[in-house]
Amino acid sequence: PNKIFFCSAAPPILYPNVYGIDIPTRTELIAHERTTEEIARHIGVDWLVYQDLEDLEESIRSVNPEMDGFDSSCFSGSYVTPDVDAAFLNALEASKTQERPKLSGKTQANGA
């Protein structure tokens, strides 16, 4: 039987980007509190591999050795600004949850 392999050129996204890209909350991210094996099962692949963050940063440094810092916060949870901490992320998630429209349970597919 055929097998499905999924190779990501990026590390798993574990945290939201708070600097302008609207990424879902931590709990909405597929990699949140899941192992690579659990994600593979969830998306229906036989094997899943992600880029290693250290290897990704090293490959960038090999092209431009002057790069000494990266905003890899969505992969690492290490934000470049000190005010982004667990309390900030919790407040952000709470505000996003409140902003979402409530679904009526009807969809285009079921005749709404």
N, C-alpha and C. Protein backbone atom coordinates (compact mmCIF):
# COMPACT_ATOMS: atom_id res chain seq x y z
N PRO A 1 0.82 -1.20 0.00
CA PRO A 1 0.00 0.00 0.00
C PRO A 1 0.86 1.26 0.00
N ASN A 2 0.33 2.31 -0.60
CA ASN A 2 1.02 3.60 -0.65
C ASN A 2 1.04 4.23 0.73
N LYS A 3 2.08 5.00 0.99
CA LYS A 3 2.21 5.72 2.25
C LYS A 3 2.25 7.22 1.94
N ILE A 4 1.80 8.00 2.90
CA ILE A 4 1.80 9.45 2.75
C ILE A 4 2.82 10.03 3.73
N PHE A 5 3.78 10.79 3.18
CA PHE A 5 4.79 11.46 3.98
C PHE A 5 4.59 12.96 3.86
N PHE A 6 4.69 13.66 4.98
CA PHE A 6 4.51 15.11 5.00
C PHE A 6 5.76 15.72 5.61
N CYS A 7 6.45 16.54 4.83
CA CYS A 7 7.67 17.21 5.29
C CYS A 7 7.44 18.71 5.28
N SER A 8 7.56 19.33 6.43
CA SER A 8 7.35 20.77 6.55
C SER A 8 8.69 21.50 6.51
N ALA A 9 8.76 22.55 5.74
CA ALA A 9 9.97 23.37 5.66
C ALA A 9 10.09 24.32 6.85
N ALA A 10 9.14 24.25 7.75
CA ALA A 10 9.14 25.11 8.95
C ALA A 10 8.94 24.24 10.18
N PRO A 11 9.37 24.75 11.33
CA PRO A 11 9.05 24.06 12.58
C PRO A 11 7.55 24.14 12.85
N PRO A 12 7.03 23.33 13.76
CA PRO A 12 5.61 23.44 14.10
C PRO A 12 5.30 24.80 14.72
N ILE A 13 4.20 25.38 14.34
CA ILE A 13 3.77 26.66 14.91
C ILE A 13 3.04 26.35 16.22
N LEU A 14 3.62 26.84 17.30
CA LEU A 14 3.10 26.54 18.63
C LEU A 14 2.47 27.74 19.32
N TYR A 15 2.81 28.94 18.85
CA TYR A 15 2.38 30.17 19.52
C TYR A 15 1.90 31.18 18.49
N PRO A 16 1.01 32.10 18.89
CA PRO A 16 0.55 33.12 17.94
C PRO A 16 1.64 34.14 17.66
N ASN A 17 1.57 34.73 16.48
CA ASN A 17 2.42 35.86 16.14
C ASN A 17 1.65 37.10 16.57
N VAL A 18 2.21 37.88 17.45
CA VAL A 18 1.50 39.06 17.97
C VAL A 18 1.96 40.35 17.31
N TYR A 19 2.76 40.22 16.25
CA TYR A 19 3.32 41.40 15.60
C TYR A 19 2.68 41.69 14.25
N GLY A 20 1.44 41.28 14.04
CA GLY A 20 0.73 41.69 12.84
C GLY A 20 0.16 40.57 12.00
N ILE A 21 0.57 39.33 12.22
CA ILE A 21 0.00 38.21 11.47
C ILE A 21 -1.08 37.59 12.35
N ASP A 22 -2.27 37.49 11.84
CA ASP A 22 -3.38 36.96 12.63
C ASP A 22 -3.33 35.43 12.63
N ILE A 23 -2.63 34.89 13.61
CA ILE A 23 -2.53 33.45 13.79
C ILE A 23 -3.53 33.07 14.88
N PRO A 24 -4.17 31.91 14.73
CA PRO A 24 -5.12 31.49 15.76
C PRO A 24 -4.49 31.42 17.15
N THR A 25 -5.34 31.28 18.14
CA THR A 25 -4.86 31.15 19.50
C THR A 25 -4.09 29.84 19.65
N ARG A 26 -3.33 29.72 20.73
CA ARG A 26 -2.52 28.51 20.94
C ARG A 26 -3.35 27.24 20.85
N THR A 27 -4.52 27.26 21.45
CA THR A 27 -5.33 26.04 21.49
C THR A 27 -5.91 25.67 20.13
N GLU A 28 -5.94 26.61 19.20
CA GLU A 28 -6.44 26.33 17.85
C GLU A 28 -5.35 25.83 16.90
N LEU A 29 -4.09 25.92 17.32
CA LEU A 29 -2.99 25.47 16.48
C LEU A 29 -2.86 23.96 16.57
N ILE A 30 -2.67 23.31 15.45
CA ILE A 30 -2.63 21.85 15.43
C ILE A 30 -1.49 21.28 16.27
N ALA A 31 -0.40 22.03 16.41
CA ALA A 31 0.75 21.53 17.17
C ALA A 31 0.65 21.79 18.67
N HIS A 32 -0.40 22.50 19.09
CA HIS A 32 -0.53 22.83 20.51
C HIS A 32 -0.72 21.55 21.34
N GLU A 33 0.23 21.32 22.22
CA GLU A 33 0.20 20.18 23.14
C GLU A 33 0.02 18.84 22.45
N ARG A 34 0.52 18.73 21.21
CA ARG A 34 0.50 17.45 20.49
C ARG A 34 1.91 17.08 20.09
N THR A 35 2.20 15.80 20.10
CA THR A 35 3.48 15.32 19.58
C THR A 35 3.39 15.26 18.06
N THR A 36 4.54 15.11 17.43
CA THR A 36 4.58 14.97 15.97
C THR A 36 3.76 13.76 15.55
N GLU A 37 3.85 12.68 16.29
CA GLU A 37 3.09 11.46 15.97
C GLU A 37 1.59 11.71 16.08
N GLU A 38 1.16 12.44 17.08
CA GLU A 38 -0.26 12.76 17.23
C GLU A 38 -0.75 13.64 16.09
N ILE A 39 0.06 14.59 15.67
CA ILE A 39 -0.31 15.45 14.54
C ILE A 39 -0.41 14.62 13.27
N ALA A 40 0.53 13.72 13.06
CA ALA A 40 0.50 12.85 11.87
C ALA A 40 -0.81 12.06 11.83
N ARG A 41 -1.19 11.50 12.95
CA ARG A 41 -2.47 10.76 12.99
C ARG A 41 -3.65 11.69 12.71
N HIS A 42 -3.60 12.89 13.30
CA HIS A 42 -4.70 13.85 13.15
C HIS A 42 -4.90 14.28 11.70
N ILE A 43 -3.80 14.46 10.96
CA ILE A 43 -3.91 14.90 9.57
C ILE A 43 -3.92 13.74 8.59
N GLY A 44 -3.79 12.53 9.10
CA GLY A 44 -3.93 11.35 8.26
C GLY A 44 -2.73 11.02 7.40
N VAL A 45 -1.52 11.22 7.94
CA VAL A 45 -0.32 10.85 7.19
C VAL A 45 0.42 9.75 7.94
N ASP A 46 1.24 9.02 7.21
CA ASP A 46 2.00 7.94 7.81
C ASP A 46 3.26 8.42 8.52
N TRP A 47 3.80 9.51 8.04
CA TRP A 47 5.03 10.04 8.62
C TRP A 47 5.07 11.55 8.44
N LEU A 48 5.48 12.25 9.49
CA LEU A 48 5.52 13.71 9.48
C LEU A 48 6.87 14.15 10.05
N VAL A 49 7.49 15.09 9.37
CA VAL A 49 8.73 15.67 9.88
C VAL A 49 8.66 17.18 9.72
N TYR A 50 9.12 17.87 10.76
CA TYR A 50 9.20 19.33 10.74
C TYR A 50 10.66 19.75 10.65
N GLN A 51 10.88 20.93 10.11
CA GLN A 51 12.21 21.56 10.14
C GLN A 51 12.57 21.83 11.59
N ASP A 52 13.80 21.61 11.96
CA ASP A 52 14.30 21.93 13.29
C ASP A 52 14.60 23.43 13.35
N LEU A 53 14.15 24.10 14.39
CA LEU A 53 14.32 25.56 14.49
C LEU A 53 15.79 25.95 14.49
N GLU A 54 16.62 25.25 15.24
CA GLU A 54 18.04 25.59 15.27
C GLU A 54 18.68 25.42 13.89
N ASP A 55 18.30 24.37 13.18
CA ASP A 55 18.84 24.16 11.83
C ASP A 55 18.36 25.25 10.88
N LEU A 56 17.10 25.67 11.01
CA LEU A 56 16.57 26.73 10.17
C LEU A 56 17.34 28.03 10.40
N GLU A 57 17.54 28.39 11.66
CA GLU A 57 18.27 29.61 11.97
C GLU A 57 19.73 29.53 11.51
N GLU A 58 20.33 28.37 11.67
CA GLU A 58 21.72 28.19 11.22
C GLU A 58 21.83 28.32 9.70
N SER A 59 20.84 27.81 8.97
CA SER A 59 20.89 27.94 7.51
C SER A 59 20.80 29.39 7.09
N ILE A 60 20.04 30.19 7.82
CA ILE A 60 19.94 31.62 7.51
C ILE A 60 21.26 32.32 7.84
N ARG A 61 21.85 31.96 8.97
CA ARG A 61 23.14 32.54 9.34
C ARG A 61 24.24 32.17 8.34
N SER A 62 24.14 31.01 7.73
CA SER A 62 25.16 30.61 6.75
C SER A 62 25.11 31.49 5.51
N VAL A 63 23.95 32.05 5.21
CA VAL A 63 23.80 32.96 4.07
C VAL A 63 24.15 34.39 4.48
N ASN A 64 23.79 34.76 5.71
CA ASN A 64 24.05 36.11 6.21
C ASN A 64 24.55 36.02 7.65
N PRO A 65 25.86 35.89 7.84
CA PRO A 65 26.42 35.75 9.19
C PRO A 65 26.15 36.94 10.11
N GLU A 66 25.77 38.08 9.54
CA GLU A 66 25.48 39.26 10.37
C GLU A 66 24.15 39.14 11.11
N MET A 67 23.32 38.20 10.72
CA MET A 67 22.04 37.99 11.40
C MET A 67 22.32 37.35 12.75
N ASP A 68 22.01 38.07 13.82
CA ASP A 68 22.28 37.50 15.13
C ASP A 68 21.02 37.23 15.93
N GLY A 69 19.88 37.64 15.41
CA GLY A 69 18.63 37.40 16.11
C GLY A 69 17.50 37.20 15.13
N PHE A 70 16.53 36.44 15.55
CA PHE A 70 15.39 36.12 14.68
C PHE A 70 14.10 36.27 15.47
N ASP A 71 13.04 36.66 14.79
CA ASP A 71 11.73 36.59 15.43
C ASP A 71 11.15 35.23 15.06
N SER A 72 11.43 34.28 15.90
CA SER A 72 10.89 32.93 15.69
C SER A 72 9.88 32.60 16.80
N SER A 73 9.23 33.66 17.29
CA SER A 73 8.33 33.52 18.43
C SER A 73 7.19 32.53 18.19
N CYS A 74 6.69 32.45 16.97
CA CYS A 74 5.58 31.53 16.73
C CYS A 74 6.02 30.06 16.80
N PHE A 75 7.33 29.83 16.73
CA PHE A 75 7.88 28.48 16.87
C PHE A 75 8.36 28.22 18.29
N SER A 76 8.96 29.23 18.92
CA SER A 76 9.64 29.03 20.20
C SER A 76 8.90 29.57 21.41
N GLY A 77 8.02 30.55 21.19
CA GLY A 77 7.37 31.21 22.32
C GLY A 77 8.23 32.28 22.96
N SER A 78 9.41 32.54 22.38
CA SER A 78 10.30 33.59 22.88
C SER A 78 10.07 34.85 22.05
N TYR A 79 9.39 35.81 22.65
CA TYR A 79 9.04 37.03 21.94
C TYR A 79 10.13 38.09 22.13
N VAL A 80 10.32 38.92 21.11
CA VAL A 80 11.39 39.92 21.15
C VAL A 80 11.05 41.10 22.05
N THR A 81 9.79 41.28 22.39
CA THR A 81 9.41 42.36 23.29
C THR A 81 9.05 41.77 24.66
N PRO A 82 9.50 42.39 25.72
CA PRO A 82 9.33 41.81 27.06
C PRO A 82 7.90 41.79 27.57
N ASP A 83 7.01 42.59 26.98
CA ASP A 83 5.64 42.63 27.49
C ASP A 83 4.78 41.45 27.01
N VAL A 84 5.30 40.62 26.13
CA VAL A 84 4.55 39.45 25.67
C VAL A 84 4.93 38.28 26.57
N ASP A 85 4.03 37.99 27.51
CA ASP A 85 4.25 36.90 28.44
C ASP A 85 2.99 36.06 28.51
N ALA A 86 2.94 35.12 29.42
CA ALA A 86 1.78 34.22 29.53
C ALA A 86 0.49 35.01 29.77
N ALA A 87 0.55 36.04 30.61
CA ALA A 87 -0.65 36.85 30.89
C ALA A 87 -1.12 37.56 29.62
N PHE A 88 -0.20 38.09 28.85
CA PHE A 88 -0.55 38.76 27.59
C PHE A 88 -1.21 37.78 26.63
N LEU A 89 -0.62 36.59 26.48
CA LEU A 89 -1.19 35.59 25.57
C LEU A 89 -2.56 35.12 26.03
N ASN A 90 -2.74 34.97 27.33
CA ASN A 90 -4.05 34.57 27.86
C ASN A 90 -5.10 35.65 27.57
N ALA A 91 -4.73 36.92 27.76
CA ALA A 91 -5.66 38.02 27.48
C ALA A 91 -5.97 38.10 25.99
N LEU A 92 -4.97 37.88 25.15
CA LEU A 92 -5.18 37.88 23.70
C LEU A 92 -6.15 36.77 23.30
N GLU A 93 -5.95 35.59 23.85
CA GLU A 93 -6.85 34.47 23.53
C GLU A 93 -8.27 34.75 24.00
N ALA A 94 -8.41 35.34 25.18
CA ALA A 94 -9.74 35.67 25.69
C ALA A 94 -10.43 36.68 24.78
N SER A 95 -9.70 37.68 24.31
CA SER A 95 -10.31 38.69 23.44
C SER A 95 -10.68 38.09 22.09
N LYS A 96 -9.85 37.20 21.55
CA LYS A 96 -10.18 36.57 20.26
C LYS A 96 -11.39 35.67 20.39
N THR A 97 -11.51 34.99 21.51
CA THR A 97 -12.66 34.10 21.73
C THR A 97 -13.95 34.92 21.80
N GLN A 98 -13.89 36.08 22.44
CA GLN A 98 -15.07 36.94 22.56
C GLN A 98 -15.44 37.58 21.23
N GLU A 99 -14.46 37.83 20.37
CA GLU A 99 -14.71 38.49 19.08
C GLU A 99 -15.37 37.56 18.07
N ARG A 100 -15.21 36.26 18.22
CA ARG A 100 -15.71 35.32 17.23
C ARG A 100 -17.23 35.29 17.23
N PRO A 101 -17.81 35.30 16.04
CA PRO A 101 -19.27 35.21 15.98
C PRO A 101 -19.75 33.84 16.43
N LYS A 102 -20.91 33.82 17.05
CA LYS A 102 -21.51 32.56 17.48
C LYS A 102 -22.13 31.88 16.27
N LEU A 103 -21.89 30.59 16.13
CA LEU A 103 -22.45 29.84 15.01
C LEU A 103 -23.85 29.36 15.39
N SER A 104 -24.75 29.41 14.44
CA SER A 104 -26.12 28.99 14.70
C SER A 104 -26.31 27.49 14.57
N GLY A 105 -25.30 26.81 14.03
CA GLY A 105 -25.43 25.37 13.80
C GLY A 105 -25.88 25.07 12.39
N LYS A 106 -26.30 26.10 11.65
CA LYS A 106 -26.74 25.92 10.26
C LYS A 106 -25.60 26.31 9.34
N THR A 107 -25.43 25.58 8.28
CA THR A 107 -24.39 25.89 7.29
C THR A 107 -25.01 25.89 5.91
N GLN A 108 -24.25 26.34 4.96
CA GLN A 108 -24.71 26.30 3.57
C GLN A 108 -25.06 24.88 3.16
N ALA A 109 -24.28 23.91 3.64
CA ALA A 109 -24.49 22.53 3.25
C ALA A 109 -25.79 21.94 3.78
N ASN A 110 -26.26 22.44 4.95
CA ASN A 110 -27.48 21.86 5.48
C ASN A 110 -28.70 22.76 5.34
N GLY A 111 -28.62 23.68 4.40
CA GLY A 111 -29.81 24.44 4.03
C GLY A 111 -30.00 25.78 4.69
N ALA A 112 -29.00 26.35 5.31
CA ALA A 112 -29.15 27.64 5.94
C ALA A 112 -29.15 28.74 4.90
